[in-house]
Amino acid sequence: LVAGAGALGNEVVKNLVLSGFRHIDVV
């Protein structure tokens, strides 16, 4: 679960996906 989709959330989700995480909820 990524809480927050602003500047930090953008970078975190990008890094998660590129690192191989496949199941991500963004609120």
mmCIF file of all heavy atoms, coordinates in Angstrom:
data_MODEL
# 
_entry.id   MODEL 
# 
loop_
_atom_site.group_PDB 
_atom_site.id 
_atom_site.type_symbol 
_atom_site.label_atom_id 
_atom_site.label_alt_id 
_atom_site.label_comp_id 
_atom_site.label_asym_id 
_atom_site.label_entity_id 
_atom_site.label_seq_id 
_atom_site.pdbx_PDB_ins_code 
_atom_site.Cartn_x 
_atom_site.Cartn_y 
_atom_site.Cartn_z 
_atom_site.occupancy 
_atom_site.B_iso_or_equiv 
_atom_site.pdbx_formal_charge 
_atom_site.auth_seq_id 
_atom_site.auth_comp_id 
_atom_site.auth_asym_id 
_atom_site.auth_atom_id 
_atom_site.pdbx_PDB_model_num 
ATOM 1   N N   . LEU A 1 1  ? 0.855  -1.185  0.000   1.00 0.00 ? 1  LEU A N   1 
ATOM 2   C CA  . LEU A 1 1  ? 0.000  0.000   0.000   1.00 0.00 ? 1  LEU A CA  1 
ATOM 3   C C   . LEU A 1 1  ? 0.890  1.232   0.000   1.00 0.00 ? 1  LEU A C   1 
ATOM 4   O O   . LEU A 1 1  ? 1.754  1.379   0.872   1.00 0.00 ? 1  LEU A O   1 
ATOM 5   C CB  . LEU A 1 1  ? -0.905 0.038   1.234   1.00 0.00 ? 1  LEU A CB  1 
ATOM 6   C CG  . LEU A 1 1  ? -1.718 1.341   1.407   1.00 0.00 ? 1  LEU A CG  1 
ATOM 7   C CD1 . LEU A 1 1  ? -2.728 1.513   0.279   1.00 0.00 ? 1  LEU A CD1 1 
ATOM 8   C CD2 . LEU A 1 1  ? -2.410 1.386   2.770   1.00 0.00 ? 1  LEU A CD2 1 
ATOM 9   N N   . VAL A 1 2  ? 0.702  2.101   -0.993  1.00 0.00 ? 2  VAL A N   1 
ATOM 10  C CA  . VAL A 1 2  ? 1.387  3.387   -1.029  1.00 0.00 ? 2  VAL A CA  1 
ATOM 11  C C   . VAL A 1 2  ? 0.363  4.456   -0.664  1.00 0.00 ? 2  VAL A C   1 
ATOM 12  O O   . VAL A 1 2  ? -0.611 4.666   -1.384  1.00 0.00 ? 2  VAL A O   1 
ATOM 13  C CB  . VAL A 1 2  ? 1.995  3.671   -2.418  1.00 0.00 ? 2  VAL A CB  1 
ATOM 14  C CG1 . VAL A 1 2  ? 2.644  5.054   -2.435  1.00 0.00 ? 2  VAL A CG1 1 
ATOM 15  C CG2 . VAL A 1 2  ? 3.013  2.603   -2.784  1.00 0.00 ? 2  VAL A CG2 1 
ATOM 16  N N   . ALA A 1 3  ? 0.575  5.113   0.458   1.00 0.00 ? 3  ALA A N   1 
ATOM 17  C CA  . ALA A 1 3  ? -0.338 6.141   0.939   1.00 0.00 ? 3  ALA A CA  1 
ATOM 18  C C   . ALA A 1 3  ? 0.168  7.508   0.499   1.00 0.00 ? 3  ALA A C   1 
ATOM 19  O O   . ALA A 1 3  ? 1.147  8.018   1.043   1.00 0.00 ? 3  ALA A O   1 
ATOM 20  C CB  . ALA A 1 3  ? -0.464 6.075   2.457   1.00 0.00 ? 3  ALA A CB  1 
ATOM 21  N N   . GLY A 1 4  ? -0.481 8.068   -0.509  1.00 0.00 ? 4  GLY A N   1 
ATOM 22  C CA  . GLY A 1 4  ? -0.074 9.358   -1.047  1.00 0.00 ? 4  GLY A CA  1 
ATOM 23  C C   . GLY A 1 4  ? 0.467  9.208   -2.459  1.00 0.00 ? 4  GLY A C   1 
ATOM 24  O O   . GLY A 1 4  ? 1.348  8.377   -2.705  1.00 0.00 ? 4  GLY A O   1 
ATOM 25  N N   . ALA A 1 5  ? -0.082 9.992   -3.397  1.00 0.00 ? 5  ALA A N   1 
ATOM 26  C CA  . ALA A 1 5  ? 0.318  9.884   -4.806  1.00 0.00 ? 5  ALA A CA  1 
ATOM 27  C C   . ALA A 1 5  ? 0.852  11.206  -5.329  1.00 0.00 ? 5  ALA A C   1 
ATOM 28  O O   . ALA A 1 5  ? 0.705  11.513  -6.508  1.00 0.00 ? 5  ALA A O   1 
ATOM 29  C CB  . ALA A 1 5  ? -0.866 9.417   -5.654  1.00 0.00 ? 5  ALA A CB  1 
ATOM 30  N N   . GLY A 1 6  ? 1.475  11.977  -4.451  1.00 0.00 ? 6  GLY A N   1 
ATOM 31  C CA  . GLY A 1 6  ? 2.091  13.233  -4.873  1.00 0.00 ? 6  GLY A CA  1 
ATOM 32  C C   . GLY A 1 6  ? 3.512  12.995  -5.359  1.00 0.00 ? 6  GLY A C   1 
ATOM 33  O O   . GLY A 1 6  ? 3.816  11.968  -5.960  1.00 0.00 ? 6  GLY A O   1 
ATOM 34  N N   . ALA A 1 7  ? 4.399  13.949  -5.096  1.00 0.00 ? 7  ALA A N   1 
ATOM 35  C CA  . ALA A 1 7  ? 5.768  13.854  -5.579  1.00 0.00 ? 7  ALA A CA  1 
ATOM 36  C C   . ALA A 1 7  ? 6.469  12.601  -5.058  1.00 0.00 ? 7  ALA A C   1 
ATOM 37  O O   . ALA A 1 7  ? 7.074  11.851  -5.825  1.00 0.00 ? 7  ALA A O   1 
ATOM 38  C CB  . ALA A 1 7  ? 6.544  15.103  -5.170  1.00 0.00 ? 7  ALA A CB  1 
ATOM 39  N N   . LEU A 1 8  ? 6.375  12.362  -3.769  1.00 0.00 ? 8  LEU A N   1 
ATOM 40  C CA  . LEU A 1 8  ? 7.019  11.194  -3.176  1.00 0.00 ? 8  LEU A CA  1 
ATOM 41  C C   . LEU A 1 8  ? 6.356  9.912   -3.659  1.00 0.00 ? 8  LEU A C   1 
ATOM 42  O O   . LEU A 1 8  ? 7.032  8.925   -3.986  1.00 0.00 ? 8  LEU A O   1 
ATOM 43  C CB  . LEU A 1 8  ? 6.957  11.298  -1.650  1.00 0.00 ? 8  LEU A CB  1 
ATOM 44  C CG  . LEU A 1 8  ? 7.981  10.505  -0.835  1.00 0.00 ? 8  LEU A CG  1 
ATOM 45  C CD1 . LEU A 1 8  ? 9.394  10.776  -1.295  1.00 0.00 ? 8  LEU A CD1 1 
ATOM 46  C CD2 . LEU A 1 8  ? 7.822  10.832  0.646   1.00 0.00 ? 8  LEU A CD2 1 
ATOM 47  N N   . GLY A 1 9  ? 5.029  9.920   -3.729  1.00 0.00 ? 9  GLY A N   1 
ATOM 48  C CA  . GLY A 1 9  ? 4.311  8.736   -4.195  1.00 0.00 ? 9  GLY A CA  1 
ATOM 49  C C   . GLY A 1 9  ? 4.647  8.366   -5.621  1.00 0.00 ? 9  GLY A C   1 
ATOM 50  O O   . GLY A 1 9  ? 4.778  7.181   -5.964  1.00 0.00 ? 9  GLY A O   1 
ATOM 51  N N   . ASN A 1 10 ? 4.811  9.365   -6.498  1.00 0.00 ? 10 ASN A N   1 
ATOM 52  C CA  . ASN A 1 10 ? 5.209  9.111   -7.882  1.00 0.00 ? 10 ASN A CA  1 
ATOM 53  C C   . ASN A 1 10 ? 6.534  8.348   -7.934  1.00 0.00 ? 10 ASN A C   1 
ATOM 54  O O   . ASN A 1 10 ? 6.654  7.329   -8.619  1.00 0.00 ? 10 ASN A O   1 
ATOM 55  C CB  . ASN A 1 10 ? 5.373  10.430  -8.640  1.00 0.00 ? 10 ASN A CB  1 
ATOM 56  C CG  . ASN A 1 10 ? 4.118  10.896  -9.350  1.00 0.00 ? 10 ASN A CG  1 
ATOM 57  O OD1 . ASN A 1 10 ? 4.052  10.895  -10.575 1.00 0.00 ? 10 ASN A OD1 1 
ATOM 58  N ND2 . ASN A 1 10 ? 3.106  11.285  -8.584  1.00 0.00 ? 10 ASN A ND2 1 
ATOM 59  N N   . GLU A 1 11 ? 7.516  8.854   -7.212  1.00 0.00 ? 11 GLU A N   1 
ATOM 60  C CA  . GLU A 1 11 ? 8.842  8.237   -7.238  1.00 0.00 ? 11 GLU A CA  1 
ATOM 61  C C   . GLU A 1 11 ? 8.835  6.859   -6.590  1.00 0.00 ? 11 GLU A C   1 
ATOM 62  O O   . GLU A 1 11 ? 9.493  5.928   -7.068  1.00 0.00 ? 11 GLU A O   1 
ATOM 63  C CB  . GLU A 1 11 ? 9.856  9.140   -6.543  1.00 0.00 ? 11 GLU A CB  1 
ATOM 64  C CG  . GLU A 1 11 ? 10.266 10.347  -7.347  1.00 0.00 ? 11 GLU A CG  1 
ATOM 65  C CD  . GLU A 1 11 ? 11.052 9.971   -8.593  1.00 0.00 ? 11 GLU A CD  1 
ATOM 66  O OE1 . GLU A 1 11 ? 11.947 9.108   -8.512  1.00 0.00 ? 11 GLU A OE1 1 
ATOM 67  O OE2 . GLU A 1 11 ? 10.765 10.537  -9.659  1.00 0.00 ? 11 GLU A OE2 1 
ATOM 68  N N   . VAL A 1 12 ? 8.102  6.716   -5.493  1.00 0.00 ? 12 VAL A N   1 
ATOM 69  C CA  . VAL A 1 12 ? 8.048  5.427   -4.809  1.00 0.00 ? 12 VAL A CA  1 
ATOM 70  C C   . VAL A 1 12 ? 7.409  4.368   -5.704  1.00 0.00 ? 12 VAL A C   1 
ATOM 71  O O   . VAL A 1 12 ? 7.941  3.251   -5.849  1.00 0.00 ? 12 VAL A O   1 
ATOM 72  C CB  . VAL A 1 12 ? 7.271  5.552   -3.477  1.00 0.00 ? 12 VAL A CB  1 
ATOM 73  C CG1 . VAL A 1 12 ? 6.810  4.178   -2.984  1.00 0.00 ? 12 VAL A CG1 1 
ATOM 74  C CG2 . VAL A 1 12 ? 8.150  6.206   -2.417  1.00 0.00 ? 12 VAL A CG2 1 
ATOM 75  N N   . VAL A 1 13 ? 6.288  4.686   -6.333  1.00 0.00 ? 13 VAL A N   1 
ATOM 76  C CA  . VAL A 1 13 ? 5.614  3.702   -7.191  1.00 0.00 ? 13 VAL A CA  1 
ATOM 77  C C   . VAL A 1 13 ? 6.488  3.346   -8.386  1.00 0.00 ? 13 VAL A C   1 
ATOM 78  O O   . VAL A 1 13 ? 6.590  2.182   -8.781  1.00 0.00 ? 13 VAL A O   1 
ATOM 79  C CB  . VAL A 1 13 ? 4.239  4.227   -7.639  1.00 0.00 ? 13 VAL A CB  1 
ATOM 80  C CG1 . VAL A 1 13 ? 3.608  3.279   -8.664  1.00 0.00 ? 13 VAL A CG1 1 
ATOM 81  C CG2 . VAL A 1 13 ? 3.301  4.362   -6.438  1.00 0.00 ? 13 VAL A CG2 1 
ATOM 82  N N   . LYS A 1 14 ? 7.130  4.340   -8.974  1.00 0.00 ? 14 LYS A N   1 
ATOM 83  C CA  . LYS A 1 14 ? 8.053  4.061   -10.086 1.00 0.00 ? 14 LYS A CA  1 
ATOM 84  C C   . LYS A 1 14 ? 9.126  3.077   -9.665  1.00 0.00 ? 14 LYS A C   1 
ATOM 85  O O   . LYS A 1 14 ? 9.404  2.088   -10.348 1.00 0.00 ? 14 LYS A O   1 
ATOM 86  C CB  . LYS A 1 14 ? 8.667  5.374   -10.582 1.00 0.00 ? 14 LYS A CB  1 
ATOM 87  C CG  . LYS A 1 14 ? 9.659  5.211   -11.729 1.00 0.00 ? 14 LYS A CG  1 
ATOM 88  C CD  . LYS A 1 14 ? 11.104 5.228   -11.247 1.00 0.00 ? 14 LYS A CD  1 
ATOM 89  C CE  . LYS A 1 14 ? 11.527 6.611   -10.787 1.00 0.00 ? 14 LYS A CE  1 
ATOM 90  N NZ  . LYS A 1 14 ? 12.966 6.650   -10.384 1.00 0.00 ? 14 LYS A NZ  1 
ATOM 91  N N   . ASN A 1 15 ? 9.755  3.330   -8.509  1.00 0.00 ? 15 ASN A N   1 
ATOM 92  C CA  . ASN A 1 15 ? 10.823 2.458   -8.032  1.00 0.00 ? 15 ASN A CA  1 
ATOM 93  C C   . ASN A 1 15 ? 10.304 1.065   -7.680  1.00 0.00 ? 15 ASN A C   1 
ATOM 94  O O   . ASN A 1 15 ? 10.988 0.062   -7.914  1.00 0.00 ? 15 ASN A O   1 
ATOM 95  C CB  . ASN A 1 15 ? 11.502 3.075   -6.815  1.00 0.00 ? 15 ASN A CB  1 
ATOM 96  C CG  . ASN A 1 15 ? 12.341 4.286   -7.168  1.00 0.00 ? 15 ASN A CG  1 
ATOM 97  O OD1 . ASN A 1 15 ? 12.719 4.482   -8.309  1.00 0.00 ? 15 ASN A OD1 1 
ATOM 98  N ND2 . ASN A 1 15 ? 12.628 5.117   -6.170  1.00 0.00 ? 15 ASN A ND2 1 
ATOM 99  N N   . LEU A 1 16 ? 9.104  1.000   -7.106  1.00 0.00 ? 16 LEU A N   1 
ATOM 100 C CA  . LEU A 1 16 ? 8.523  -0.304  -6.762  1.00 0.00 ? 16 LEU A CA  1 
ATOM 101 C C   . LEU A 1 16 ? 8.322  -1.159  -8.002  1.00 0.00 ? 16 LEU A C   1 
ATOM 102 O O   . LEU A 1 16 ? 8.714  -2.330  -8.044  1.00 0.00 ? 16 LEU A O   1 
ATOM 103 C CB  . LEU A 1 16 ? 7.181  -0.117  -6.047  1.00 0.00 ? 16 LEU A CB  1 
ATOM 104 C CG  . LEU A 1 16 ? 7.216  0.386   -4.611  1.00 0.00 ? 16 LEU A CG  1 
ATOM 105 C CD1 . LEU A 1 16 ? 5.800  0.705   -4.135  1.00 0.00 ? 16 LEU A CD1 1 
ATOM 106 C CD2 . LEU A 1 16 ? 7.863  -0.638  -3.673  1.00 0.00 ? 16 LEU A CD2 1 
ATOM 107 N N   . VAL A 1 17 ? 7.713  -0.573  -9.032  1.00 0.00 ? 17 VAL A N   1 
ATOM 108 C CA  . VAL A 1 17 ? 7.426  -1.331  -10.252 1.00 0.00 ? 17 VAL A CA  1 
ATOM 109 C C   . VAL A 1 17 ? 8.718  -1.770  -10.928 1.00 0.00 ? 17 VAL A C   1 
ATOM 110 O O   . VAL A 1 17 ? 8.864  -2.936  -11.326 1.00 0.00 ? 17 VAL A O   1 
ATOM 111 C CB  . VAL A 1 17 ? 6.553  -0.508  -11.216 1.00 0.00 ? 17 VAL A CB  1 
ATOM 112 C CG1 . VAL A 1 17 ? 6.402  -1.233  -12.554 1.00 0.00 ? 17 VAL A CG1 1 
ATOM 113 C CG2 . VAL A 1 17 ? 5.176  -0.256  -10.615 1.00 0.00 ? 17 VAL A CG2 1 
ATOM 114 N N   . LEU A 1 18 ? 9.683  -0.866  -11.052 1.00 0.00 ? 18 LEU A N   1 
ATOM 115 C CA  . LEU A 1 18 ? 10.936 -1.223  -11.698 1.00 0.00 ? 18 LEU A CA  1 
ATOM 116 C C   . LEU A 1 18 ? 11.719 -2.252  -10.889 1.00 0.00 ? 18 LEU A C   1 
ATOM 117 O O   . LEU A 1 18 ? 12.505 -3.025  -11.462 1.00 0.00 ? 18 LEU A O   1 
ATOM 118 C CB  . LEU A 1 18 ? 11.791 0.029   -11.917 1.00 0.00 ? 18 LEU A CB  1 
ATOM 119 C CG  . LEU A 1 18 ? 11.245 1.047   -12.920 1.00 0.00 ? 18 LEU A CG  1 
ATOM 120 C CD1 . LEU A 1 18 ? 12.198 2.232   -13.043 1.00 0.00 ? 18 LEU A CD1 1 
ATOM 121 C CD2 . LEU A 1 18 ? 11.025 0.415   -14.295 1.00 0.00 ? 18 LEU A CD2 1 
ATOM 122 N N   . SER A 1 19 ? 11.498 -2.304  -9.580  1.00 0.00 ? 19 SER A N   1 
ATOM 123 C CA  . SER A 1 19 ? 12.190 -3.273  -8.723  1.00 0.00 ? 19 SER A CA  1 
ATOM 124 C C   . SER A 1 19 ? 11.537 -4.643  -8.741  1.00 0.00 ? 19 SER A C   1 
ATOM 125 O O   . SER A 1 19 ? 12.095 -5.599  -8.191  1.00 0.00 ? 19 SER A O   1 
ATOM 126 C CB  . SER A 1 19 ? 12.249 -2.763  -7.278  1.00 0.00 ? 19 SER A CB  1 
ATOM 127 O OG  . SER A 1 19 ? 12.980 -1.559  -7.196  1.00 0.00 ? 19 SER A OG  1 
ATOM 128 N N   . GLY A 1 20 ? 10.343 -4.743  -9.319  1.00 0.00 ? 20 GLY A N   1 
ATOM 129 C CA  . GLY A 1 20 ? 9.692  -6.041  -9.441  1.00 0.00 ? 20 GLY A CA  1 
ATOM 130 C C   . GLY A 1 20 ? 8.448  -6.238  -8.602  1.00 0.00 ? 20 GLY A C   1 
ATOM 131 O O   . GLY A 1 20 ? 7.822  -7.302  -8.666  1.00 0.00 ? 20 GLY A O   1 
ATOM 132 N N   . PHE A 1 21 ? 8.064  -5.243  -7.812  1.00 0.00 ? 21 PHE A N   1 
ATOM 133 C CA  . PHE A 1 21 ? 6.821  -5.371  -7.041  1.00 0.00 ? 21 PHE A CA  1 
ATOM 134 C C   . PHE A 1 21 ? 5.639  -5.354  -8.008  1.00 0.00 ? 21 PHE A C   1 
ATOM 135 O O   . PHE A 1 21 ? 5.570  -4.498  -8.896  1.00 0.00 ? 21 PHE A O   1 
ATOM 136 C CB  . PHE A 1 21 ? 6.709  -4.236  -6.023  1.00 0.00 ? 21 PHE A CB  1 
ATOM 137 C CG  . PHE A 1 21 ? 7.673  -4.365  -4.882  1.00 0.00 ? 21 PHE A CG  1 
ATOM 138 C CD1 . PHE A 1 21 ? 8.909  -3.727  -4.926  1.00 0.00 ? 21 PHE A CD1 1 
ATOM 139 C CD2 . PHE A 1 21 ? 7.356  -5.127  -3.767  1.00 0.00 ? 21 PHE A CD2 1 
ATOM 140 C CE1 . PHE A 1 21 ? 9.819  -3.856  -3.878  1.00 0.00 ? 21 PHE A CE1 1 
ATOM 141 C CE2 . PHE A 1 21 ? 8.252  -5.247  -2.715  1.00 0.00 ? 21 PHE A CE2 1 
ATOM 142 C CZ  . PHE A 1 21 ? 9.490  -4.617  -2.765  1.00 0.00 ? 21 PHE A CZ  1 
ATOM 143 N N   . ARG A 1 22 ? 4.710  -6.281  -7.805  1.00 0.00 ? 22 ARG A N   1 
ATOM 144 C CA  . ARG A 1 22 ? 3.643  -6.477  -8.780  1.00 0.00 ? 22 ARG A CA  1 
ATOM 145 C C   . ARG A 1 22 ? 2.251  -6.165  -8.248  1.00 0.00 ? 22 ARG A C   1 
ATOM 146 O O   . ARG A 1 22 ? 1.304  -6.062  -9.033  1.00 0.00 ? 22 ARG A O   1 
ATOM 147 C CB  . ARG A 1 22 ? 3.673  -7.924  -9.271  1.00 0.00 ? 22 ARG A CB  1 
ATOM 148 C CG  . ARG A 1 22 ? 4.950  -8.267  -10.028 1.00 0.00 ? 22 ARG A CG  1 
ATOM 149 C CD  . ARG A 1 22 ? 4.994  -9.720  -10.424 1.00 0.00 ? 22 ARG A CD  1 
ATOM 150 N NE  . ARG A 1 22 ? 6.140  -10.002 -11.302 1.00 0.00 ? 22 ARG A NE  1 
ATOM 151 C CZ  . ARG A 1 22 ? 6.446  -11.202 -11.778 1.00 0.00 ? 22 ARG A CZ  1 
ATOM 152 N NH1 . ARG A 1 22 ? 5.688  -12.241 -11.455 1.00 0.00 ? 22 ARG A NH1 1 
ATOM 153 N NH2 . ARG A 1 22 ? 7.487  -11.362 -12.570 1.00 0.00 ? 22 ARG A NH2 1 
ATOM 154 N N   . HIS A 1 23 ? 2.109  -6.049  -6.948  1.00 0.00 ? 23 HIS A N   1 
ATOM 155 C CA  . HIS A 1 23 ? 0.790  -5.849  -6.345  1.00 0.00 ? 23 HIS A CA  1 
ATOM 156 C C   . HIS A 1 23 ? 0.831  -4.576  -5.502  1.00 0.00 ? 23 HIS A C   1 
ATOM 157 O O   . HIS A 1 23 ? 1.295  -4.588  -4.365  1.00 0.00 ? 23 HIS A O   1 
ATOM 158 C CB  . HIS A 1 23 ? 0.407  -7.053  -5.490  1.00 0.00 ? 23 HIS A CB  1 
ATOM 159 C CG  . HIS A 1 23 ? 0.579  -8.365  -6.191  1.00 0.00 ? 23 HIS A CG  1 
ATOM 160 N ND1 . HIS A 1 23 ? -0.287 -8.800  -7.168  1.00 0.00 ? 23 HIS A ND1 1 
ATOM 161 C CD2 . HIS A 1 23 ? 1.543  -9.321  -6.081  1.00 0.00 ? 23 HIS A CD2 1 
ATOM 162 C CE1 . HIS A 1 23 ? 0.118  -9.976  -7.620  1.00 0.00 ? 23 HIS A CE1 1 
ATOM 163 N NE2 . HIS A 1 23 ? 1.232  -10.312 -6.977  1.00 0.00 ? 23 HIS A NE2 1 
ATOM 164 N N   . ILE A 1 24 ? 0.368  -3.480  -6.079  1.00 0.00 ? 24 ILE A N   1 
ATOM 165 C CA  . ILE A 1 24 ? 0.506  -2.161  -5.448  1.00 0.00 ? 24 ILE A CA  1 
ATOM 166 C C   . ILE A 1 24 ? -0.827 -1.438  -5.466  1.00 0.00 ? 24 ILE A C   1 
ATOM 167 O O   . ILE A 1 24 ? -1.437 -1.274  -6.531  1.00 0.00 ? 24 ILE A O   1 
ATOM 168 C CB  . ILE A 1 24 ? 1.554  -1.308  -6.194  1.00 0.00 ? 24 ILE A CB  1 
ATOM 169 C CG1 . ILE A 1 24 ? 2.894  -2.044  -6.300  1.00 0.00 ? 24 ILE A CG1 1 
ATOM 170 C CG2 . ILE A 1 24 ? 1.727  0.045   -5.507  1.00 0.00 ? 24 ILE A CG2 1 
ATOM 171 C CD1 . ILE A 1 24 ? 3.862  -1.420  -7.286  1.00 0.00 ? 24 ILE A CD1 1 
ATOM 172 N N   . ASP A 1 25 ? -1.306 -1.022  -4.305  1.00 0.00 ? 25 ASP A N   1 
ATOM 173 C CA  . ASP A 1 25 ? -2.459 -0.128  -4.197  1.00 0.00 ? 25 ASP A CA  1 
ATOM 174 C C   . ASP A 1 25 ? -1.947 1.271   -3.882  1.00 0.00 ? 25 ASP A C   1 
ATOM 175 O O   . ASP A 1 25 ? -1.058 1.430   -3.035  1.00 0.00 ? 25 ASP A O   1 
ATOM 176 C CB  . ASP A 1 25 ? -3.410 -0.577  -3.086  1.00 0.00 ? 25 ASP A CB  1 
ATOM 177 C CG  . ASP A 1 25 ? -4.192 -1.835  -3.441  1.00 0.00 ? 25 ASP A CG  1 
ATOM 178 O OD1 . ASP A 1 25 ? -4.063 -2.310  -4.583  1.00 0.00 ? 25 ASP A OD1 1 
ATOM 179 O OD2 . ASP A 1 25 ? -4.912 -2.360  -2.566  1.00 0.00 ? 25 ASP A OD2 1 
ATOM 180 N N   . VAL A 1 26 ? -2.522 2.273   -4.540  1.00 0.00 ? 26 VAL A N   1 
ATOM 181 C CA  . VAL A 1 26 ? -2.132 3.665   -4.315  1.00 0.00 ? 26 VAL A CA  1 
ATOM 182 C C   . VAL A 1 26 ? -3.364 4.443   -3.884  1.00 0.00 ? 26 VAL A C   1 
ATOM 183 O O   . VAL A 1 26 ? -4.367 4.485   -4.618  1.00 0.00 ? 26 VAL A O   1 
ATOM 184 C CB  . VAL A 1 26 ? -1.548 4.311   -5.585  1.00 0.00 ? 26 VAL A CB  1 
ATOM 185 C CG1 . VAL A 1 26 ? -1.075 5.727   -5.290  1.00 0.00 ? 26 VAL A CG1 1 
ATOM 186 C CG2 . VAL A 1 26 ? -0.415 3.475   -6.148  1.00 0.00 ? 26 VAL A CG2 1 
ATOM 187 N N   . VAL A 1 27 ? -3.311 5.062   -2.709  1.00 0.00 ? 27 VAL A N   1 
ATOM 188 C CA  . VAL A 1 27 ? -4.460 5.821   -2.212  1.00 0.00 ? 27 VAL A CA  1 
ATOM 189 C C   . VAL A 1 27 ? -4.114 7.303   -2.121  1.00 0.00 ? 27 VAL A C   1 
ATOM 190 O O   . VAL A 1 27 ? -3.048 7.680   -1.631  1.00 0.00 ? 27 VAL A O   1 
ATOM 191 C CB  . VAL A 1 27 ? -4.939 5.287   -0.836  1.00 0.00 ? 27 VAL A CB  1 
ATOM 192 C CG1 . VAL A 1 27 ? -3.820 5.340   0.206   1.00 0.00 ? 27 VAL A CG1 1 
ATOM 193 C CG2 . VAL A 1 27 ? -6.154 6.052   -0.347  1.00 0.00 ? 27 VAL A CG2 1 
# 
